[in-house]
C-alpha atoms as a PDB file:
ATOM      1  CA  MET A   1     -92.873 -84.391  84.754  1.00  0.00           C
ATOM      2  CA  ALA A   2     -95.983 -86.507  85.225  1.00  0.00           C
ATOM      3  CA  GLU A   3     -93.677 -89.747  85.273  1.00  0.00           C
ATOM      4  CA  ALA A   4     -91.409 -88.099  88.258  1.00  0.00           C
ATOM      5  CA  VAL A   5     -94.668 -87.228  90.213  1.00  0.00           C
ATOM      6  CA  LYS A   6     -96.002 -90.716  89.873  1.00  0.00           C
ATOM      7  CA  HIS A   7     -92.720 -92.220  90.714  1.00  0.00           C
ATOM      8  CA  SER A   8     -92.495 -89.902  93.928  1.00  0.00           C
ATOM      9  CA  ASP A   9     -96.094 -90.922  94.837  1.00  0.00           C
ATOM     10  CA  MET A  10     -95.289 -94.684  94.600  1.00  0.00           C
ATOM     11  CA  LYS A  11     -92.161 -94.093  96.611  1.00  0.00           C
ATOM     12  CA  HIS A  12     -94.127 -92.587  99.438  1.00  0.00           C
ATOM     13  CA  LYS A  13     -96.729 -95.391  99.578  1.00  0.00           C
ATOM     14  CA  PHE A  14     -94.024 -98.090  99.827  1.00  0.00           C
ATOM     15  CA  LYS A  15     -92.414 -96.132 102.909  1.00  0.00           C
ATOM     16  CA  ARG A  16     -95.879 -96.303 104.511  1.00  0.00           C
ATOM     17  CA  GLY A  17     -96.097-100.215 103.975  1.00  0.00           C
ATOM     18  CA  ARG A  18     -97.127-100.774 100.396  1.00  0.00           C
ATOM     19  CA  VAL A  19     -95.775-104.261  99.327  1.00  0.00           C
ATOM     20  CA  ASN A  20     -97.093-104.673  95.688  1.00  0.00           C
ATOM     21  CA  LEU A  21     -97.949-102.846  92.441  1.00  0.00           C
ATOM     22  CA  GLU A  22    -101.474-103.989  92.188  1.00  0.00           C
ATOM     23  CA  ASP A  23    -104.310-101.561  92.104  1.00  0.00           C
ATOM     24  CA  GLU A  24    -106.275-101.148  95.439  1.00  0.00           C
ATOM     25  CA  PRO A  25    -109.959-101.876  95.269  1.00  0.00           C
ATOM     26  CA  ARG A  26    -111.917 -98.944  94.297  1.00  0.00           C
ATOM     27  CA  PRO A  27    -115.692 -98.211  95.187  1.00  0.00           C
ATOM     28  CA  GLY A  28    -118.169 -98.073  92.213  1.00  0.00           C
ATOM     29  CA  ARG A  29    -118.646-100.148  89.080  1.00  0.00           C
ATOM     30  CA  PRO A  30    -115.608-101.171  86.926  1.00  0.00           C
ATOM     31  CA  VAL A  31    -114.792 -99.203  84.002  1.00  0.00           C
ATOM     32  CA  GLU A  32    -115.192-102.416  81.600  1.00  0.00           C
ATOM     33  CA  VAL A  33    -118.718-103.194  81.547  1.00  0.00           C
ATOM     34  CA  THR A  34    -118.912-104.405  77.986  1.00  0.00           C
ATOM     35  CA  ASN A  35    -118.228-107.992  79.035  1.00  0.00           C
ATOM     36  CA  ASP A  36    -119.904-111.103  77.951  1.00  0.00           C
ATOM     37  CA  GLN A  37    -122.534-110.997  80.914  1.00  0.00           C
ATOM     38  CA  THR A  38    -123.550-107.378  80.342  1.00  0.00           C
ATOM     39  CA  SER A  39    -123.877-108.139  76.643  1.00  0.00           C
ATOM     40  CA  GLU A  40    -126.148-111.041  77.319  1.00  0.00           C
ATOM     41  CA  ALA A  41    -128.191-108.951  79.567  1.00  0.00           C
ATOM     42  CA  VAL A  42    -128.699-106.357  76.776  1.00  0.00           C
ATOM     43  CA  ARG A  43    -129.590-108.995  74.272  1.00  0.00           C
ATOM     44  CA  GLN A  44    -132.312-110.353  76.498  1.00  0.00           C
ATOM     45  CA  LEU A  45    -133.728-106.836  76.682  1.00  0.00           C
ATOM     46  CA  VAL A  46    -133.727-106.411  73.095  1.00  0.00           C
ATOM     47  CA  VAL A  47    -135.310-109.906  72.568  1.00  0.00           C
ATOM     48  CA  LYS A  48    -137.924-109.186  74.997  1.00  0.00           C
ATOM     49  CA  ASP A  49    -138.637-105.575  73.324  1.00  0.00           C
ATOM     50  CA  ARG A  50    -137.345-105.027  69.860  1.00  0.00           C
ATOM     51  CA  ARG A  51    -138.473-101.318  70.178  1.00  0.00           C
ATOM     52  CA  MET A  52    -136.736-100.580  73.466  1.00  0.00           C
ATOM     53  CA  LYS A  53    -134.855 -97.446  73.715  1.00  0.00           C
ATOM     54  CA  VAL A  54    -130.937 -97.154  74.481  1.00  0.00           C
ATOM     55  CA  SER A  55    -131.683 -94.795  77.479  1.00  0.00           C
ATOM     56  CA  GLU A  56    -134.171 -97.404  78.790  1.00  0.00           C
ATOM     57  CA  MET A  57    -131.636-100.341  78.612  1.00  0.00           C
ATOM     58  CA  ALA A  58    -128.964 -98.225  80.206  1.00  0.00           C
ATOM     59  CA  LYS A  59    -131.202 -97.327  82.945  1.00  0.00           C
ATOM     60  CA  ALA A  60    -132.355-100.900  83.572  1.00  0.00           C
ATOM     61  CA  LEU A  61    -128.806-102.239  83.548  1.00  0.00           C
ATOM     62  CA  ASP A  62    -127.432 -99.284  85.454  1.00  0.00           C
ATOM     63  CA  ILE A  63    -124.629 -98.527  82.755  1.00  0.00           C
ATOM     64  CA  SER A  64    -123.993 -95.661  80.352  1.00  0.00           C
ATOM     65  CA  GLU A  65    -125.809 -95.217  77.189  1.00  0.00           C
ATOM     66  CA  GLY A  66    -122.449 -95.200  75.350  1.00  0.00           C
ATOM     67  CA  SER A  67    -121.862 -98.695  76.611  1.00  0.00           C
ATOM     68  CA  VAL A  68    -125.027 -99.959  75.391  1.00  0.00           C
ATOM     69  CA  HIS A  69    -124.464 -98.535  71.901  1.00  0.00           C
ATOM     70  CA  THR A  70    -120.888-100.403  71.812  1.00  0.00           C
ATOM     71  CA  ILE A  71    -122.624-103.558  73.006  1.00  0.00           C
ATOM     72  CA  LEU A  72    -125.392-103.416  70.582  1.00  0.00           C
ATOM     73  CA  HIS A  73    -123.300-102.285  67.507  1.00  0.00           C
ATOM     74  CA  ASP A  74    -119.777-103.980  68.166  1.00  0.00           C
ATOM     75  CA  ARG A  75    -120.616-106.994  70.304  1.00  0.00           C
ATOM     76  CA  LEU A  76    -124.109-107.984  69.105  1.00  0.00           C
ATOM     77  CA  GLY A  77    -123.913-106.556  65.550  1.00  0.00           C
ATOM     78  CA  MET A  78    -127.331-104.842  65.650  1.00  0.00           C
ATOM     79  CA  ARG A  79    -128.806-101.840  64.353  1.00  0.00           C
ATOM     80  CA  LYS A  80    -132.355-100.127  64.682  1.00  0.00           C
ATOM     81  CA  LEU A  81    -134.267 -99.984  61.698  1.00  0.00           C
ATOM     82  CA  SER A  82    -137.891 -98.586  60.879  1.00  0.00           C
ATOM     83  CA  ALA A  83    -140.417-101.270  59.965  1.00  0.00           C
ATOM     84  CA  ARG A  84    -141.193-101.847  56.321  1.00  0.00           C
ATOM     85  CA  TRP A  85    -144.741-101.014  55.421  1.00  0.00           C
ATOM     86  CA  VAL A  86    -146.546-104.154  53.720  1.00  0.00           C
ATOM     87  CA  PRO A  87    -150.362-104.225  52.930  1.00  0.00           C
ATOM     88  CA  LYS A  88    -150.775-107.594  54.363  1.00  0.00           C
ATOM     89  CA  CYS A  89    -148.807-110.537  56.187  1.00  0.00           C
ATOM     90  CA  LEU A  90    -148.650-113.189  53.481  1.00  0.00           C
ATOM     91  CA  SER A  91    -148.611-116.935  54.288  1.00  0.00           C
ATOM     92  CA  ASP A  92    -145.971-119.177  52.753  1.00  0.00           C
ATOM     93  CA  ASP A  93    -148.500-120.456  50.351  1.00  0.00           C
ATOM     94  CA  GLN A  94    -149.618-117.022  49.218  1.00  0.00           C
ATOM     95  CA  LYS A  95    -145.819-116.031  48.557  1.00  0.00           C
ATOM     96  CA  ALA A  96    -145.413-119.133  46.501  1.00  0.00           C
ATOM     97  CA  VAL A  97    -148.525-118.102  44.417  1.00  0.00           C
ATOM     98  CA  ARG A  98    -147.179-114.529  43.827  1.00  0.00           C
ATOM     99  CA  ALA A  99    -143.709-115.743  42.949  1.00  0.00           C
ATOM    100  CA  SER A 100    -145.102-118.321  40.346  1.00  0.00           C
ATOM    101  CA  MET A 101    -147.583-115.807  38.877  1.00  0.00           C
ATOM    102  CA  CYS A 102    -144.558-113.442  38.286  1.00  0.00           C
ATOM    103  CA  GLN A 103    -142.371-116.151  36.676  1.00  0.00           C
ATOM    104  CA  ALA A 104    -144.912-116.676  33.686  1.00  0.00           C
ATOM    105  CA  PRO A 105    -144.993-113.220  32.225  1.00  0.00           C
ATOM    106  CA  LEU A 106    -141.271-112.715  33.055  1.00  0.00           C
ATOM    107  CA  THR A 107    -140.420-115.843  30.873  1.00  0.00           C
ATOM    108  CA  LYS A 108    -142.446-114.483  27.999  1.00  0.00           C
ATOM    109  CA  CYS A 109    -140.948-111.083  28.221  1.00  0.00           C
ATOM    110  CA  SER A 110    -137.325-112.516  28.372  1.00  0.00           C
ATOM    111  CA  ARG A 111    -138.022-114.017  24.803  1.00  0.00           C
ATOM    112  CA  ASP A 112    -138.979-110.760  23.267  1.00  0.00           C
ATOM    113  CA  ALA A 113    -139.173-107.708  25.553  1.00  0.00           C
ATOM    114  CA  ASP A 114    -139.893-105.117  23.090  1.00  0.00           C
ATOM    115  CA  ASN A 115    -142.816-106.912  21.472  1.00  0.00           C
ATOM    116  CA  PHE A 116    -144.245-108.034  24.787  1.00  0.00           C
ATOM    117  CA  MET A 117    -144.285-104.519  26.274  1.00  0.00           C
ATOM    118  CA  GLU A 118    -145.878-103.108  23.438  1.00  0.00           C
ATOM    119  CA  ARG A 119    -148.698-105.407  23.917  1.00  0.00           C
ATOM    120  CA  ILE A 120    -149.349-104.416  27.415  1.00  0.00           C
ATOM    121  CA  VAL A 121    -152.202-102.049  28.176  1.00  0.00           C
ATOM    122  CA  THR A 122    -152.933-101.227  31.703  1.00  0.00           C
ATOM    123  CA  GLY A 123    -155.479 -99.126  33.702  1.00  0.00           C
ATOM    124  CA  ASP A 124    -156.486 -97.912  37.106  1.00  0.00           C
ATOM    125  CA  GLU A 125    -159.050 -95.908  38.953  1.00  0.00           C
ATOM    126  CA  THR A 126    -158.436 -92.877  41.024  1.00  0.00           C
ATOM    127  CA  TRP A 127    -160.387 -90.056  42.719  1.00  0.00           C
ATOM    128  CA  VAL A 128    -160.136 -86.690  41.098  1.00  0.00           C
ATOM    129  CA  HIS A 129    -160.791 -83.620  43.331  1.00  0.00           C
ATOM    130  CA  HIS A 130    -162.416 -80.618  41.779  1.00  0.00           C
ATOM    131  CA  TYR A 131    -164.120 -77.258  42.287  1.00  0.00           C
ATOM    132  CA  ASP A 132    -165.552 -74.551  40.122  1.00  0.00           C
ATOM    133  CA  PRO A 133    -163.569 -71.319  40.209  1.00  0.00           C
ATOM    134  CA  GLU A 134    -165.137 -67.957  39.704  1.00  0.00           C
ATOM    135  CA  THR A 135    -164.581 -66.264  36.327  1.00  0.00           C
ATOM    136  CA  LYS A 136    -163.193 -62.824  36.171  1.00  0.00           C
ATOM    137  CA  GLU A 137    -166.541 -61.281  35.287  1.00  0.00           C
ATOM    138  CA  GLN A 138    -168.094 -63.107  38.285  1.00  0.00           C
ATOM    139  CA  SER A 139    -165.419 -61.838  40.785  1.00  0.00           C
ATOM    140  CA  LYS A 140    -165.758 -58.106  39.767  1.00  0.00           C
ATOM    141  CA  GLN A 141    -166.815 -55.642  42.555  1.00  0.00           C
ATOM    142  CA  TRP A 142    -167.965 -52.073  42.799  1.00  0.00           C
ATOM    143  CA  THR A 143    -165.269 -49.904  44.525  1.00  0.00           C
ATOM    144  CA  GLY A 144    -164.361 -46.192  44.953  1.00  0.00           C
ATOM    145  CA  PHE A 145    -162.184 -44.665  42.474  1.00  0.00           C
ATOM    146  CA  ALA A 146    -159.537 -44.315  44.943  1.00  0.00           C
ATOM    147  CA  SER A 147    -160.038 -47.762  46.377  1.00  0.00           C
ATOM    148  CA  LEU A 148    -157.427 -50.539  45.933  1.00  0.00           C
ATOM    149  CA  ARG A 149    -158.004 -53.599  43.684  1.00  0.00           C
ATOM    150  CA  PRO A 150    -160.152 -56.188  45.624  1.00  0.00           C
ATOM    151  CA  LYS A 151    -158.377 -59.336  46.512  1.00  0.00           C
ATOM    152  CA  LYS A 152    -159.701 -62.892  45.646  1.00  0.00           C
ATOM    153  CA  PHE A 153    -158.412 -65.399  48.070  1.00  0.00           C
ATOM    154  CA  LYS A 154    -157.702 -69.104  47.158  1.00  0.00           C
ATOM    155  CA  THR A 155    -160.739 -71.122  46.542  1.00  0.00           C
ATOM    156  CA  GLN A 156    -161.720 -74.266  48.751  1.00  0.00           C
ATOM    157  CA  PRO A 157    -159.179 -77.024  47.379  1.00  0.00           C
ATOM    158  CA  SER A 158    -161.873 -79.541  46.639  1.00  0.00           C
ATOM    159  CA  ALA A 159    -165.753 -78.853  46.231  1.00  0.00           C
ATOM    160  CA  GLY A 160    -166.315 -82.444  44.994  1.00  0.00           C
ATOM    161  CA  LYS A 161    -164.554 -85.602  43.627  1.00  0.00           C
ATOM    162  CA  VAL A 162    -165.141 -87.807  40.563  1.00  0.00           C
ATOM    163  CA  MET A 163    -163.944 -91.318  39.979  1.00  0.00           C
ATOM    164  CA  ALA A 164    -161.480 -91.275  36.839  1.00  0.00           C
ATOM    165  CA  THR A 165    -160.359 -94.416  35.070  1.00  0.00           C
ATOM    166  CA  ILE A 166    -157.258 -94.110  32.931  1.00  0.00           C
ATOM    167  CA  PHE A 167    -155.916 -96.797  30.471  1.00  0.00           C
ATOM    168  CA  TRP A 168    -152.541 -96.419  28.987  1.00  0.00           C
ATOM    169  CA  ASP A 169    -149.653 -98.199  27.145  1.00  0.00           C
ATOM    170  CA  THR A 170    -146.031 -97.566  26.639  1.00  0.00           C
ATOM    171  CA  LYS A 171    -146.841 -94.882  24.163  1.00  0.00           C
ATOM    172  CA  GLY A 172    -149.311 -92.975  26.152  1.00  0.00           C
ATOM    173  CA  VAL A 173    -152.905 -92.419  27.355  1.00  0.00           C
ATOM    174  CA  LEU A 174    -155.494 -94.437  25.471  1.00  0.00           C
ATOM    175  CA  LEU A 175    -158.620 -93.568  27.446  1.00  0.00           C
ATOM    176  CA  ILE A 176    -159.666 -91.483  30.333  1.00  0.00           C
ATOM    177  CA  ASP A 177    -163.162 -91.783  31.751  1.00  0.00           C
ATOM    178  CA  TYR A 178    -165.025 -90.036  34.434  1.00  0.00           C
ATOM    179  CA  LEU A 179    -167.908 -91.773  36.314  1.00  0.00           C
ATOM    180  CA  PRO A 180    -171.028 -89.913  35.950  1.00  0.00           C
ATOM    181  CA  ARG A 181    -172.503 -88.207  39.146  1.00  0.00           C
ATOM    182  CA  GLY A 182    -174.928 -90.567  40.809  1.00  0.00           C
ATOM    183  CA  GLN A 183    -173.679 -93.544  39.138  1.00  0.00           C
ATOM    184  CA  THR A 184    -171.989 -96.731  40.868  1.00  0.00           C
ATOM    185  CA  TYR A 185    -168.722 -98.210  39.613  1.00  0.00           C
ATOM    186  CA  THR A 186    -169.863-101.700  38.906  1.00  0.00           C
ATOM    187  CA  GLY A 187    -168.849-104.714  36.738  1.00  0.00           C
ATOM    188  CA  GLU A 188    -171.342-103.748  34.091  1.00  0.00           C
ATOM    189  CA  TYR A 189    -169.708-100.069  33.931  1.00  0.00           C
ATOM    190  CA  TYR A 190    -166.173-101.618  33.720  1.00  0.00           C
ATOM    191  CA  SER A 191    -167.209-104.135  31.020  1.00  0.00           C
ATOM    192  CA  ASP A 192    -168.554-101.173  29.016  1.00  0.00           C
ATOM    193  CA  LEU A 193    -165.238 -99.297  29.498  1.00  0.00           C
ATOM    194  CA  LEU A 194    -163.299-102.374  28.073  1.00  0.00           C
ATOM    195  CA  ASP A 195    -165.525-102.066  24.892  1.00  0.00           C
ATOM    196  CA  ARG A 196    -164.639 -98.437  24.643  1.00  0.00           C
ATOM    197  CA  LEU A 197    -161.052 -99.308  25.219  1.00  0.00           C
ATOM    198  CA  TRP A 198    -160.977-101.734  22.261  1.00  0.00           C
ATOM    199  CA  THR A 199    -162.312 -98.908  20.204  1.00  0.00           C
ATOM    200  CA  ALA A 200    -159.688 -96.469  21.464  1.00  0.00           C
ATOM    201  CA  ILE A 201    -156.901 -98.985  20.714  1.00  0.00           C
ATOM    202  CA  LEU A 202    -158.210 -99.504  17.293  1.00  0.00           C
ATOM    203  CA  ALA A 203    -158.252 -95.873  16.418  1.00  0.00           C
ATOM    204  CA  LYS A 204    -154.990 -94.963  18.229  1.00  0.00           C
ATOM    205  CA  ARG A 205    -152.522 -97.894  17.806  1.00  0.00           C
ATOM    206  CA  ARG A 206    -152.581 -99.386  14.518  1.00  0.00           C
ATOM    207  CA  GLY A 207    -151.886-103.112  14.452  1.00  0.00           C
ATOM    208  CA  LYS A 208    -151.851-103.436  18.385  1.00  0.00           C
ATOM    209  CA  ILE A 209    -155.318-105.389  18.268  1.00  0.00           C
ATOM    210  CA  THR A 210    -153.875-107.633  15.624  1.00  0.00           C
ATOM    211  CA  LYS A 211    -150.923-108.612  17.667  1.00  0.00           C
ATOM    212  CA  GLY A 212    -152.926-109.134  20.871  1.00  0.00           C
ATOM    213  CA  VAL A 213    -153.661-106.880  23.854  1.00  0.00           C
ATOM    214  CA  LEU A 214    -152.303-108.000  27.166  1.00  0.00           C
ATOM    215  CA  LEU A 215    -154.458-106.353  29.696  1.00  0.00           C
ATOM    216  CA  GLN A 216    -152.742-105.528  33.062  1.00  0.00           C
ATOM    217  CA  HIS A 217    -155.109-104.612  35.975  1.00  0.00           C
ATOM    218  CA  ASP A 218    -155.368-105.674  39.590  1.00  0.00           C
ATOM    219  CA  ASN A 219    -157.916-108.253  41.018  1.00  0.00           C
ATOM    220  CA  ALA A 220    -160.420-105.713  42.392  1.00  0.00           C
ATOM    221  CA  GLY A 221    -164.254-107.149  42.409  1.00  0.00           C
ATOM    222  CA  VAL A 222    -165.134-105.096  39.431  1.00  0.00           C
ATOM    223  CA  HIS A 223    -162.150-106.338  37.289  1.00  0.00           C
ATOM    224  CA  THR A 224    -162.523-110.028  38.084  1.00  0.00           C
ATOM    225  CA  CYS A 225    -166.496-110.344  38.215  1.00  0.00           C
ATOM    226  CA  ARG A 226    -168.311-112.374  35.572  1.00  0.00           C
ATOM    227  CA  LEU A 227    -169.248-109.326  33.360  1.00  0.00           C
ATOM    228  CA  SER A 228    -165.769-108.049  33.183  1.00  0.00           C
ATOM    229  CA  VAL A 229    -164.130-111.389  32.517  1.00  0.00           C
ATOM    230  CA  ALA A 230    -166.646-111.807  29.551  1.00  0.00           C
ATOM    231  CA  ALA A 231    -165.711-108.445  28.091  1.00  0.00           C
ATOM    232  CA  VAL A 232    -162.038-109.201  28.347  1.00  0.00           C
ATOM    233  CA  LYS A 233    -162.736-112.195  26.327  1.00  0.00           C
ATOM    234  CA  ARG A 234    -165.186-110.527  24.067  1.00  0.00           C
ATOM    235  CA  ASN A 235    -162.755-107.733  23.014  1.00  0.00           C
ATOM    236  CA  GLY A 236    -159.865-110.426  22.378  1.00  0.00           C
ATOM    237  CA  PHE A 237    -157.763-109.289  25.331  1.00  0.00           C
ATOM    238  CA  LYS A 238    -155.579-111.528  27.527  1.00  0.00           C
ATOM    239  CA  ALA A 239    -155.568-110.475  31.280  1.00  0.00           C
ATOM    240  CA  LEU A 240    -152.016-110.808  32.656  1.00  0.00           C
ATOM    241  CA  PRO A 241    -152.105-112.722  35.960  1.00  0.00           C
ATOM    242  CA  HIS A 242    -152.065-110.325  39.099  1.00  0.00           C
ATOM    243  CA  PRO A 243    -152.007-112.333  42.395  1.00  0.00           C
ATOM    244  CA  PRO A 244    -154.052-111.133  45.423  1.00  0.00           C
ATOM    245  CA  TYR A 245    -152.494-108.560  47.772  1.00  0.00           C
ATOM    246  CA  SER A 246    -149.908-107.415  45.356  1.00  0.00           C
ATOM    247  CA  PRO A 247    -150.079-103.505  44.923  1.00  0.00           C
ATOM    248  CA  ASP A 248    -146.315-103.591  44.363  1.00  0.00           C
ATOM    249  CA  LEU A 249    -146.861-105.508  41.144  1.00  0.00           C
ATOM    250  CA  ALA A 250    -149.054-102.908  39.589  1.00  0.00           C
ATOM    251  CA  PRO A 251    -147.634-100.150  37.211  1.00  0.00           C
ATOM    252  CA  ARG A 252    -148.285 -96.545  38.214  1.00  0.00           C
ATOM    253  CA  PRO A 253    -149.349 -93.784  35.630  1.00  0.00           C
ATOM    254  CA  HIS A 254    -143.425 -90.959  26.099  1.00  0.00           C
ATOM    255  CA  GLY A 255    -140.881 -91.755  28.667  1.00  0.00           C
ATOM    256  CA  PHE A 256    -143.133 -91.950  31.777  1.00  0.00           C
ATOM    257  CA  TYR A 257    -145.659 -94.538  30.388  1.00  0.00           C
ATOM    258  CA  HIS A 258    -142.822 -96.558  28.717  1.00  0.00           C
ATOM    259  CA  ASN A 259    -140.507 -96.641  31.654  1.00  0.00           C
ATOM    260  CA  ARG A 260    -143.335 -97.618  34.256  1.00  0.00           C
ATOM    261  CA  LEU A 261    -144.337-100.473  32.089  1.00  0.00           C
ATOM    262  CA  LEU A 262    -140.825-101.556  31.665  1.00  0.00           C
ATOM    263  CA  ALA A 263    -140.619-101.414  35.374  1.00  0.00           C
ATOM    264  CA  LEU A 264    -142.851-104.520  35.698  1.00  0.00           C
ATOM    265  CA  THR A 265    -140.000-106.879  34.707  1.00  0.00           C
ATOM    266  CA  HIS A 266    -137.938-105.441  37.633  1.00  0.00           C
ATOM    267  CA  ARG A 267    -141.036-105.873  40.011  1.00  0.00           C
ATOM    268  CA  TRP A 268    -141.624-109.477  38.947  1.00  0.00           C
ATOM    269  CA  THR A 269    -137.973-110.386  39.237  1.00  0.00           C
ATOM    270  CA  LYS A 270    -137.968-108.624  42.587  1.00  0.00           C
ATOM    271  CA  CYS A 271    -141.012-110.716  43.753  1.00  0.00           C
ATOM    272  CA  ILE A 272    -139.400-113.850  42.739  1.00  0.00           C
ATOM    273  CA  ASP A 273    -136.037-113.043  44.315  1.00  0.00           C
ATOM    274  CA  LEU A 274    -137.873-112.317  47.612  1.00  0.00           C
ATOM    275  CA  ASN A 275    -139.663-115.646  47.332  1.00  0.00           C
ATOM    276  CA  GLY A 276    -143.155-114.094  46.917  1.00  0.00           C
ATOM    277  CA  ASP A 277    -142.691-111.563  49.790  1.00  0.00           C
ATOM    278  CA  LEU A 278    -144.306-108.297  49.437  1.00  0.00           C
ATOM    279  CA  CYS A 279    -142.089-105.620  48.006  1.00  0.00           C
ATOM    280  CA  GLY A 280    -142.801-102.779  50.505  1.00  0.00           C
ATOM    281  CA  LYS A 281    -141.028 -99.523  51.399  1.00  0.00           C
ATOM    282  CA  ARG A 282    -137.238 -99.504  51.904  1.00  0.00           C
ATOM    283  CA  SER A 283    -136.390 -99.735  55.518  1.00  0.00           C
ATOM    284  CA  GLU A 284    -134.630 -96.731  56.857  1.00  0.00           C
ATOM    285  CA  GLU A 285    -132.160 -96.956  59.584  1.00  0.00           C
ATOM    286  CA  GLN A 286    -133.075 -94.769  62.545  1.00  0.00           C
END
């Protein structure tokens, strides 16, 4: 039916003087806007501002948002990703140092992974928030015989905080220390902790001292100062290399401790594969 109507319409147009079958010029923009020229215009907008929205591009070029999407995805092969967080923008030299410092322990681990991982002891500091809750006796109140039991609402989440230092290996926690109130976390304090760590290892891990302890800690000032370095040497520990600006290469606190230390090999490998670049959060497509 539609074909008959179209044929009848064309017949009347030829009777009125139409001499060809070409479409007549129509006002407005052509339907096809995803051409090379428009695609280049979109690309230029993206180069100028990588965060520009599709709606802003469509408005600037006077085309539909759908056309912009088509150009971006199908013609330019682009997608919009959220930025990956990294703690510092590293230079090429810093990346090379990171990669080389990961290669050394990874090579040793590949020779005897089980023995190598069992020798590692790692530690870190963290703030622990605390409060002193009331006892049942302290919370008692005098009430009438017909009164409901009084309610005790949630206490303030943190009335104070204390610095805790935790050392552990593949089998679990070795030492937990809480910095005394009013005392500063210094190199002298940390060196004393390493002496206490030696005693804890001797008591809890038979034979570990004899095999040789590999100490994995970051390069914070209290860890790398003269007193701390002397304590590492005095206790017979060997510090594993830890490049600067590398929170991604530090392990986080029997399965949990073991698996987190085993994850070091994956992090070392990833750092090398990325040529020393920081292993930040995975990008998420918007």
